Amino acid sequence: KMAENIKMKNIEEQYNKLKGRYNLPKFEDLDNEFEISTIENEKFLLREIINKLMGRIDFFSKILEEVLQPDTSLLSSMHETRYFAEKEKEDIYELYKKLMIISRESLEVSLKTDEKEEALFINKVFNEWKDLKNELLKFANKIKESWKMESDIKEELNYLG
């Protein structure tokens, strides 16, 4: 436990040096959204932070993708996709596109290996995250609610196959 606290303090100290240099978000704010205090090594701290951001972005991208392009072998995606109207799927696709743009920008940033570019990317994603999160919350609520709807198991299984 003590070693963990020391490691987190080192991460936070390193981060705060970079924060001053690049006008990054507050450590606590970034940590609250992306759990950056769990980073193991501060040597390439900005890259590690980007990895944390992208873990979260990619996680949600995959869930959106399952509703837009259901995997017929997954009961969950076949069930959930049925509860979205065409207009809602268009909105989900727009949200998916925003996440994919971030994802593809991260590829570019990772290839440049430039600290300033990494910091700019972290700021950009963090600033966009609040709106993205609100949109993702609406979506998450809708897929949760789809499981509360009455559905006939025979109908579900026939639909699937």
N, C-alpha and C. Protein backbone atom coordinates (compact mmCIF):
# COMPACT_ATOMS: atom_id res chain seq x y z
N LYS A 1 0.84 -1.20 0.00
CA LYS A 1 0.00 0.00 0.00
C LYS A 1 0.89 1.26 0.00
N MET A 2 1.92 1.24 0.82
CA MET A 2 2.81 2.39 0.89
C MET A 2 3.56 2.59 -0.43
N ALA A 3 4.00 1.47 -1.02
CA ALA A 3 4.71 1.55 -2.31
C ALA A 3 3.79 2.14 -3.38
N GLU A 4 2.50 1.76 -3.33
CA GLU A 4 1.52 2.30 -4.28
C GLU A 4 1.40 3.81 -4.12
N ASN A 5 1.32 4.27 -2.88
CA ASN A 5 1.21 5.71 -2.62
C ASN A 5 2.43 6.47 -3.11
N ILE A 6 3.61 5.89 -2.91
CA ILE A 6 4.85 6.53 -3.37
C ILE A 6 4.84 6.59 -4.90
N LYS A 7 4.45 5.49 -5.54
CA LYS A 7 4.40 5.46 -7.00
C LYS A 7 3.42 6.51 -7.52
N MET A 8 2.23 6.61 -6.89
CA MET A 8 1.25 7.60 -7.32
C MET A 8 1.79 9.01 -7.14
N LYS A 9 2.49 9.24 -6.03
CA LYS A 9 3.08 10.57 -5.78
C LYS A 9 4.10 10.91 -6.87
N ASN A 10 4.93 9.91 -7.25
CA ASN A 10 5.91 10.13 -8.32
C ASN A 10 5.21 10.48 -9.63
N ILE A 11 4.15 9.74 -9.95
CA ILE A 11 3.39 10.00 -11.18
C ILE A 11 2.81 11.42 -11.11
N GLU A 12 2.23 11.74 -9.98
CA GLU A 12 1.62 13.06 -9.83
C GLU A 12 2.66 14.18 -9.92
N GLU A 13 3.83 13.98 -9.31
CA GLU A 13 4.90 14.99 -9.37
C GLU A 13 5.38 15.18 -10.81
N GLN A 14 5.62 14.06 -11.50
CA GLN A 14 6.05 14.14 -12.90
C GLN A 14 4.99 14.83 -13.75
N TYR A 15 3.74 14.44 -13.49
CA TYR A 15 2.64 15.03 -14.25
C TYR A 15 2.58 16.54 -14.03
N ASN A 16 2.71 16.96 -12.78
CA ASN A 16 2.59 18.39 -12.48
C ASN A 16 3.69 19.22 -13.14
N LYS A 17 4.87 18.63 -13.33
CA LYS A 17 5.93 19.32 -14.07
C LYS A 17 5.48 19.53 -15.52
N LEU A 18 4.93 18.47 -16.12
CA LEU A 18 4.45 18.54 -17.50
C LEU A 18 3.23 19.45 -17.61
N LYS A 19 2.40 19.41 -16.58
CA LYS A 19 1.19 20.25 -16.54
C LYS A 19 1.56 21.72 -16.67
N GLY A 20 2.57 22.12 -15.92
CA GLY A 20 3.04 23.50 -15.97
C GLY A 20 3.58 23.88 -17.35
N ARG A 21 4.31 22.95 -17.94
CA ARG A 21 4.93 23.20 -19.24
C ARG A 21 3.91 23.26 -20.37
N TYR A 22 2.87 22.42 -20.29
CA TYR A 22 1.94 22.28 -21.42
C TYR A 22 0.49 22.67 -21.10
N ASN A 23 0.27 23.25 -19.92
CA ASN A 23 -1.07 23.69 -19.56
C ASN A 23 -2.08 22.53 -19.60
N LEU A 24 -1.70 21.41 -19.02
CA LEU A 24 -2.54 20.22 -18.99
C LEU A 24 -3.64 20.35 -17.93
N PRO A 25 -4.67 19.50 -17.98
CA PRO A 25 -5.73 19.52 -16.96
C PRO A 25 -5.16 19.16 -15.58
N LYS A 26 -5.92 19.46 -14.54
CA LYS A 26 -5.50 19.09 -13.19
C LYS A 26 -5.38 17.57 -13.09
N PHE A 27 -4.36 17.12 -12.35
CA PHE A 27 -4.10 15.69 -12.18
C PHE A 27 -5.36 14.96 -11.70
N GLU A 28 -6.02 15.51 -10.67
CA GLU A 28 -7.19 14.86 -10.08
C GLU A 28 -8.30 14.68 -11.12
N ASP A 29 -8.49 15.70 -11.95
CA ASP A 29 -9.55 15.62 -12.96
C ASP A 29 -9.27 14.52 -13.98
N LEU A 30 -8.04 14.49 -14.46
CA LEU A 30 -7.65 13.47 -15.44
C LEU A 30 -7.69 12.08 -14.80
N ASP A 31 -7.24 11.99 -13.55
CA ASP A 31 -7.23 10.72 -12.83
C ASP A 31 -8.66 10.22 -12.61
N ASN A 32 -9.55 11.12 -12.26
CA ASN A 32 -10.94 10.74 -12.01
C ASN A 32 -11.59 10.14 -13.24
N GLU A 33 -11.29 10.67 -14.40
CA GLU A 33 -11.89 10.17 -15.65
C GLU A 33 -11.14 8.99 -16.26
N PHE A 34 -9.82 8.97 -16.12
CA PHE A 34 -9.02 8.00 -16.88
C PHE A 34 -8.06 7.17 -16.02
N GLU A 35 -8.16 7.30 -14.69
CA GLU A 35 -7.38 6.48 -13.75
C GLU A 35 -5.87 6.49 -14.03
N ILE A 36 -5.34 7.69 -14.25
CA ILE A 36 -3.92 7.79 -14.58
C ILE A 36 -3.01 7.50 -13.39
N SER A 37 -3.55 7.53 -12.16
CA SER A 37 -2.72 7.23 -10.99
C SER A 37 -2.31 5.76 -10.95
N THR A 38 -2.93 4.93 -11.78
CA THR A 38 -2.57 3.50 -11.82
C THR A 38 -1.42 3.22 -12.80
N ILE A 39 -0.92 4.25 -13.46
CA ILE A 39 0.21 4.08 -14.38
C ILE A 39 1.42 3.57 -13.59
N GLU A 40 2.10 2.59 -14.14
CA GLU A 40 3.21 1.93 -13.45
C GLU A 40 4.55 2.67 -13.59
N ASN A 41 4.78 3.28 -14.75
CA ASN A 41 6.10 3.85 -15.01
C ASN A 41 5.94 5.25 -15.58
N GLU A 42 6.65 6.21 -14.98
CA GLU A 42 6.49 7.60 -15.43
C GLU A 42 7.49 8.02 -16.51
N LYS A 43 8.29 7.09 -17.02
CA LYS A 43 9.32 7.47 -18.00
C LYS A 43 8.73 8.17 -19.22
N PHE A 44 7.72 7.58 -19.82
CA PHE A 44 7.02 8.21 -20.95
C PHE A 44 5.61 8.53 -20.50
N LEU A 45 5.49 9.40 -19.53
CA LEU A 45 4.22 9.62 -18.85
C LEU A 45 3.10 10.06 -19.79
N LEU A 46 3.37 10.99 -20.68
CA LEU A 46 2.31 11.45 -21.58
C LEU A 46 1.82 10.32 -22.48
N ARG A 47 2.73 9.49 -22.94
CA ARG A 47 2.32 8.34 -23.77
C ARG A 47 1.48 7.36 -22.97
N GLU A 48 1.88 7.15 -21.71
CA GLU A 48 1.12 6.26 -20.83
C GLU A 48 -0.29 6.82 -20.59
N ILE A 49 -0.37 8.13 -20.42
CA ILE A 49 -1.68 8.77 -20.22
C ILE A 49 -2.54 8.59 -21.47
N ILE A 50 -1.93 8.77 -22.63
CA ILE A 50 -2.66 8.57 -23.90
C ILE A 50 -3.17 7.12 -23.98
N ASN A 51 -2.36 6.17 -23.54
CA ASN A 51 -2.80 4.77 -23.53
C ASN A 51 -4.04 4.59 -22.66
N LYS A 52 -4.07 5.27 -21.51
CA LYS A 52 -5.24 5.21 -20.61
C LYS A 52 -6.46 5.82 -21.30
N LEU A 53 -6.28 6.98 -21.92
CA LEU A 53 -7.38 7.64 -22.63
C LEU A 53 -7.92 6.72 -23.71
N MET A 54 -7.00 6.12 -24.47
CA MET A 54 -7.42 5.31 -25.60
C MET A 54 -8.07 3.99 -25.15
N GLY A 55 -7.67 3.49 -24.01
CA GLY A 55 -8.34 2.30 -23.47
C GLY A 55 -9.82 2.57 -23.27
N ARG A 56 -10.10 3.74 -22.74
CA ARG A 56 -11.49 4.14 -22.48
C ARG A 56 -12.24 4.41 -23.80
N ILE A 57 -11.61 5.13 -24.70
CA ILE A 57 -12.22 5.46 -26.00
C ILE A 57 -12.51 4.17 -26.78
N ASP A 58 -11.53 3.27 -26.83
CA ASP A 58 -11.69 2.02 -27.59
C ASP A 58 -12.77 1.12 -26.98
N PHE A 59 -12.84 1.09 -25.65
CA PHE A 59 -13.87 0.30 -24.96
C PHE A 59 -15.27 0.73 -25.42
N PHE A 60 -15.51 2.03 -25.41
CA PHE A 60 -16.83 2.52 -25.81
C PHE A 60 -17.07 2.39 -27.31
N SER A 61 -16.03 2.56 -28.10
CA SER A 61 -16.16 2.39 -29.55
C SER A 61 -16.68 0.99 -29.88
N LYS A 62 -16.11 -0.01 -29.20
CA LYS A 62 -16.51 -1.39 -29.48
C LYS A 62 -17.97 -1.65 -29.11
N ILE A 63 -18.43 -1.07 -28.03
CA ILE A 63 -19.83 -1.25 -27.62
C ILE A 63 -20.76 -0.59 -28.64
N LEU A 64 -20.42 0.62 -29.07
CA LEU A 64 -21.23 1.31 -30.08
C LEU A 64 -21.24 0.49 -31.37
N GLU A 65 -20.09 -0.02 -31.73
CA GLU A 65 -19.96 -0.80 -32.96
C GLU A 65 -20.84 -2.05 -32.93
N GLU A 66 -20.97 -2.67 -31.76
CA GLU A 66 -21.81 -3.87 -31.65
C GLU A 66 -23.28 -3.56 -31.89
N VAL A 67 -23.72 -2.36 -31.56
CA VAL A 67 -25.11 -1.98 -31.82
C VAL A 67 -25.28 -1.62 -33.30
N LEU A 68 -24.28 -0.95 -33.86
CA LEU A 68 -24.36 -0.53 -35.27
C LEU A 68 -24.18 -1.70 -36.23
N GLN A 69 -23.28 -2.60 -35.88
CA GLN A 69 -22.94 -3.75 -36.74
C GLN A 69 -22.92 -4.99 -35.84
N PRO A 70 -24.11 -5.49 -35.50
CA PRO A 70 -24.16 -6.57 -34.50
C PRO A 70 -23.44 -7.84 -34.95
N ASP A 71 -22.73 -8.41 -34.02
CA ASP A 71 -22.08 -9.70 -34.23
C ASP A 71 -23.15 -10.76 -33.99
N THR A 72 -23.51 -11.48 -35.02
CA THR A 72 -24.61 -12.45 -34.90
C THR A 72 -24.31 -13.58 -33.92
N SER A 73 -23.05 -13.73 -33.53
CA SER A 73 -22.73 -14.76 -32.55
C SER A 73 -22.86 -14.24 -31.11
N LEU A 74 -23.12 -12.94 -30.96
CA LEU A 74 -23.27 -12.37 -29.62
C LEU A 74 -24.74 -12.07 -29.33
N LEU A 75 -25.29 -12.78 -28.39
CA LEU A 75 -26.68 -12.58 -28.00
C LEU A 75 -26.91 -11.13 -27.58
N SER A 76 -25.97 -10.56 -26.83
CA SER A 76 -26.16 -9.20 -26.32
C SER A 76 -26.30 -8.17 -27.44
N SER A 77 -25.43 -8.22 -28.45
CA SER A 77 -25.52 -7.21 -29.50
C SER A 77 -26.76 -7.42 -30.37
N MET A 78 -27.17 -8.67 -30.58
CA MET A 78 -28.39 -8.93 -31.36
C MET A 78 -29.62 -8.42 -30.61
N HIS A 79 -29.63 -8.60 -29.31
CA HIS A 79 -30.74 -8.11 -28.48
C HIS A 79 -30.78 -6.59 -28.49
N GLU A 80 -29.65 -5.96 -28.19
CA GLU A 80 -29.61 -4.51 -28.00
C GLU A 80 -29.90 -3.73 -29.28
N THR A 81 -29.40 -4.19 -30.40
CA THR A 81 -29.57 -3.44 -31.65
C THR A 81 -31.04 -3.29 -32.03
N ARG A 82 -31.87 -4.24 -31.61
CA ARG A 82 -33.29 -4.20 -31.94
C ARG A 82 -34.02 -3.04 -31.27
N TYR A 83 -33.47 -2.48 -30.21
CA TYR A 83 -34.16 -1.44 -29.45
C TYR A 83 -33.81 -0.03 -29.89
N PHE A 84 -33.07 0.09 -30.97
CA PHE A 84 -32.70 1.41 -31.48
C PHE A 84 -33.37 1.67 -32.82
N ALA A 85 -34.05 2.80 -32.91
CA ALA A 85 -34.66 3.22 -34.17
C ALA A 85 -33.54 3.67 -35.13
N GLU A 86 -33.87 3.78 -36.41
CA GLU A 86 -32.88 4.20 -37.41
C GLU A 86 -32.24 5.54 -37.04
N LYS A 87 -33.06 6.51 -36.62
CA LYS A 87 -32.54 7.84 -36.27
C LYS A 87 -31.54 7.72 -35.11
N GLU A 88 -31.86 6.89 -34.13
CA GLU A 88 -30.95 6.70 -32.99
C GLU A 88 -29.65 6.06 -33.46
N LYS A 89 -29.74 5.13 -34.39
CA LYS A 89 -28.53 4.49 -34.92
C LYS A 89 -27.67 5.51 -35.67
N GLU A 90 -28.32 6.45 -36.35
CA GLU A 90 -27.57 7.52 -37.02
C GLU A 90 -26.83 8.38 -36.00
N ASP A 91 -27.49 8.68 -34.88
CA ASP A 91 -26.85 9.45 -33.80
C ASP A 91 -25.70 8.67 -33.19
N ILE A 92 -25.90 7.36 -33.01
CA ILE A 92 -24.84 6.51 -32.46
C ILE A 92 -23.65 6.49 -33.42
N TYR A 93 -23.95 6.45 -34.72
CA TYR A 93 -22.87 6.46 -35.71
C TYR A 93 -22.07 7.76 -35.64
N GLU A 94 -22.75 8.88 -35.45
CA GLU A 94 -22.05 10.17 -35.32
C GLU A 94 -21.14 10.17 -34.09
N LEU A 95 -21.62 9.62 -32.99
CA LEU A 95 -20.82 9.50 -31.78
C LEU A 95 -19.64 8.55 -32.02
N TYR A 96 -19.91 7.45 -32.68
CA TYR A 96 -18.87 6.48 -33.03
C TYR A 96 -17.78 7.14 -33.87
N LYS A 97 -18.19 7.95 -34.85
CA LYS A 97 -17.22 8.67 -35.69
C LYS A 97 -16.32 9.58 -34.84
N LYS A 98 -16.90 10.28 -33.88
CA LYS A 98 -16.09 11.16 -33.01
C LYS A 98 -15.04 10.34 -32.27
N LEU A 99 -15.43 9.18 -31.76
CA LEU A 99 -14.49 8.32 -31.04
C LEU A 99 -13.42 7.78 -31.98
N MET A 100 -13.82 7.43 -33.20
CA MET A 100 -12.86 6.89 -34.17
C MET A 100 -11.86 7.96 -34.63
N ILE A 101 -12.30 9.19 -34.75
CA ILE A 101 -11.38 10.27 -35.11
C ILE A 101 -10.31 10.40 -34.03
N ILE A 102 -10.73 10.38 -32.77
CA ILE A 102 -9.77 10.45 -31.66
C ILE A 102 -8.82 9.25 -31.73
N SER A 103 -9.39 8.09 -31.97
CA SER A 103 -8.58 6.87 -32.03
C SER A 103 -7.52 6.96 -33.13
N ARG A 104 -7.90 7.43 -34.28
CA ARG A 104 -6.96 7.53 -35.40
C ARG A 104 -5.96 8.67 -35.20
N GLU A 105 -6.39 9.74 -34.55
CA GLU A 105 -5.43 10.81 -34.21
C GLU A 105 -4.37 10.28 -33.25
N SER A 106 -4.78 9.38 -32.36
CA SER A 106 -3.81 8.83 -31.40
C SER A 106 -2.72 8.04 -32.11
N LEU A 107 -3.08 7.38 -33.22
CA LEU A 107 -2.07 6.64 -34.01
C LEU A 107 -1.01 7.61 -34.52
N GLU A 108 -1.48 8.70 -35.06
CA GLU A 108 -0.60 9.72 -35.61
C GLU A 108 0.32 10.28 -34.52
N VAL A 109 -0.27 10.62 -33.37
CA VAL A 109 0.50 11.17 -32.25
C VAL A 109 1.54 10.16 -31.77
N SER A 110 1.16 8.88 -31.71
CA SER A 110 2.10 7.87 -31.21
C SER A 110 3.29 7.70 -32.15
N LEU A 111 3.08 7.93 -33.43
CA LEU A 111 4.18 7.79 -34.39
C LEU A 111 5.12 8.99 -34.38
N LYS A 112 4.61 10.14 -33.99
CA LYS A 112 5.44 11.36 -33.98
C LYS A 112 6.40 11.39 -32.79
N THR A 113 6.06 10.70 -31.71
CA THR A 113 6.85 10.71 -30.47
C THR A 113 7.36 12.11 -30.11
N ASP A 114 6.44 13.05 -30.07
CA ASP A 114 6.76 14.44 -29.74
C ASP A 114 5.95 14.84 -28.51
N GLU A 115 6.65 15.21 -27.43
CA GLU A 115 5.99 15.51 -26.16
C GLU A 115 4.92 16.60 -26.29
N LYS A 116 5.23 17.64 -27.06
CA LYS A 116 4.27 18.73 -27.22
C LYS A 116 2.99 18.24 -27.92
N GLU A 117 3.16 17.42 -28.96
CA GLU A 117 2.00 16.84 -29.67
C GLU A 117 1.19 15.96 -28.73
N GLU A 118 1.87 15.18 -27.90
CA GLU A 118 1.20 14.31 -26.94
C GLU A 118 0.37 15.14 -25.96
N ALA A 119 0.94 16.22 -25.48
CA ALA A 119 0.24 17.10 -24.53
C ALA A 119 -0.98 17.75 -25.19
N LEU A 120 -0.81 18.21 -26.43
CA LEU A 120 -1.93 18.82 -27.16
C LEU A 120 -3.06 17.80 -27.34
N PHE A 121 -2.70 16.57 -27.64
CA PHE A 121 -3.70 15.51 -27.83
C PHE A 121 -4.44 15.23 -26.52
N ILE A 122 -3.71 15.14 -25.42
CA ILE A 122 -4.34 14.89 -24.11
C ILE A 122 -5.34 16.01 -23.80
N ASN A 123 -4.92 17.26 -24.01
CA ASN A 123 -5.83 18.39 -23.78
C ASN A 123 -7.07 18.30 -24.65
N LYS A 124 -6.88 18.00 -25.91
CA LYS A 124 -8.00 17.91 -26.86
C LYS A 124 -9.00 16.85 -26.40
N VAL A 125 -8.51 15.65 -26.10
CA VAL A 125 -9.40 14.56 -25.69
C VAL A 125 -10.10 14.92 -24.38
N PHE A 126 -9.34 15.44 -23.43
CA PHE A 126 -9.94 15.79 -22.13
C PHE A 126 -11.04 16.84 -22.31
N ASN A 127 -10.80 17.83 -23.16
CA ASN A 127 -11.79 18.88 -23.39
C ASN A 127 -13.04 18.36 -24.09
N GLU A 128 -12.89 17.35 -24.94
CA GLU A 128 -14.04 16.77 -25.65
C GLU A 128 -14.76 15.72 -24.81
N TRP A 129 -14.07 15.20 -23.80
CA TRP A 129 -14.59 14.05 -23.05
C TRP A 129 -15.93 14.33 -22.38
N LYS A 130 -16.12 15.51 -21.80
CA LYS A 130 -17.36 15.79 -21.06
C LYS A 130 -18.59 15.61 -21.96
N ASP A 131 -18.54 16.17 -23.17
CA ASP A 131 -19.66 16.03 -24.11
C ASP A 131 -19.81 14.59 -24.57
N LEU A 132 -18.69 13.96 -24.87
CA LEU A 132 -18.73 12.55 -25.30
C LEU A 132 -19.33 11.68 -24.19
N LYS A 133 -18.92 11.95 -22.97
CA LYS A 133 -19.40 11.17 -21.83
C LYS A 133 -20.91 11.32 -21.67
N ASN A 134 -21.42 12.54 -21.84
CA ASN A 134 -22.86 12.75 -21.73
C ASN A 134 -23.61 11.97 -22.81
N GLU A 135 -23.09 11.98 -24.03
CA GLU A 135 -23.71 11.21 -25.11
C GLU A 135 -23.63 9.71 -24.82
N LEU A 136 -22.49 9.26 -24.31
CA LEU A 136 -22.31 7.84 -23.99
C LEU A 136 -23.24 7.42 -22.85
N LEU A 137 -23.48 8.31 -21.91
CA LEU A 137 -24.40 8.00 -20.80
C LEU A 137 -25.81 7.75 -21.30
N LYS A 138 -26.27 8.58 -22.24
CA LYS A 138 -27.61 8.38 -22.81
C LYS A 138 -27.69 7.01 -23.50
N PHE A 139 -26.65 6.70 -24.25
CA PHE A 139 -26.58 5.42 -24.94
C PHE A 139 -26.56 4.25 -23.94
N ALA A 140 -25.73 4.37 -22.91
CA ALA A 140 -25.60 3.30 -21.90
C ALA A 140 -26.94 3.07 -21.21
N ASN A 141 -27.65 4.15 -20.94
CA ASN A 141 -28.95 4.03 -20.31
C ASN A 141 -29.92 3.28 -21.21
N LYS A 142 -29.89 3.60 -22.49
CA LYS A 142 -30.81 2.96 -23.45
C LYS A 142 -30.51 1.46 -23.56
N ILE A 143 -29.24 1.08 -23.62
CA ILE A 143 -28.97 -0.37 -23.73
C ILE A 143 -29.32 -1.08 -22.43
N LYS A 144 -29.13 -0.41 -21.30
CA LYS A 144 -29.54 -1.01 -20.01
C LYS A 144 -31.05 -1.24 -20.03
N GLU A 145 -31.80 -0.21 -20.44
CA GLU A 145 -33.26 -0.30 -20.48
C GLU A 145 -33.74 -1.39 -21.43
N SER A 146 -33.00 -1.64 -22.51
CA SER A 146 -33.42 -2.68 -23.47
C SER A 146 -33.53 -4.04 -22.79
N TRP A 147 -32.75 -4.25 -21.74
CA TRP A 147 -32.78 -5.54 -21.04
C TRP A 147 -33.95 -5.64 -20.08
N LYS A 148 -34.60 -4.52 -19.78
CA LYS A 148 -35.76 -4.52 -18.90
C LYS A 148 -37.06 -4.71 -19.68
N MET A 149 -36.97 -4.57 -21.01
CA MET A 149 -38.16 -4.71 -21.85
C MET A 149 -38.61 -6.16 -21.86
N GLU A 150 -39.91 -6.33 -21.96
CA GLU A 150 -40.46 -7.68 -22.10
C GLU A 150 -40.03 -8.23 -23.44
N SER A 151 -39.49 -9.40 -23.43
CA SER A 151 -39.22 -10.05 -24.71
C SER A 151 -39.43 -11.55 -24.52
N ASP A 152 -39.89 -12.14 -25.55
CA ASP A 152 -40.19 -13.56 -25.54
C ASP A 152 -38.90 -14.30 -25.90
N ILE A 153 -38.48 -15.22 -25.05
CA ILE A 153 -37.23 -15.94 -25.30
C ILE A 153 -37.27 -16.70 -26.63
N LYS A 154 -38.43 -17.25 -26.97
CA LYS A 154 -38.53 -17.96 -28.26
C LYS A 154 -38.33 -16.98 -29.41
N GLU A 155 -38.95 -15.80 -29.28
CA GLU A 155 -38.81 -14.77 -30.31
C GLU A 155 -37.34 -14.35 -30.42
N GLU A 156 -36.69 -14.15 -29.27
CA GLU A 156 -35.26 -13.77 -29.25
C GLU A 156 -34.43 -14.83 -29.98
N LEU A 157 -34.63 -16.09 -29.63
CA LEU A 157 -33.81 -17.14 -30.20
C LEU A 157 -34.12 -17.37 -31.69
N ASN A 158 -35.38 -17.21 -32.08
CA ASN A 158 -35.73 -17.30 -33.50
C ASN A 158 -35.08 -16.17 -34.27
N TYR A 159 -35.11 -14.98 -33.68
CA TYR A 159 -34.52 -13.81 -34.32
C TYR A 159 -33.03 -14.04 -34.54
N LEU A 160 -32.43 -14.75 -33.61
CA LEU A 160 -31.00 -14.97 -33.67
C LEU A 160 -30.60 -16.12 -34.58
N GLY A 161 -31.58 -16.94 -34.92
CA GLY A 161 -30.99 -17.92 -35.73
C GLY A 161 -31.71 -19.02 -36.32
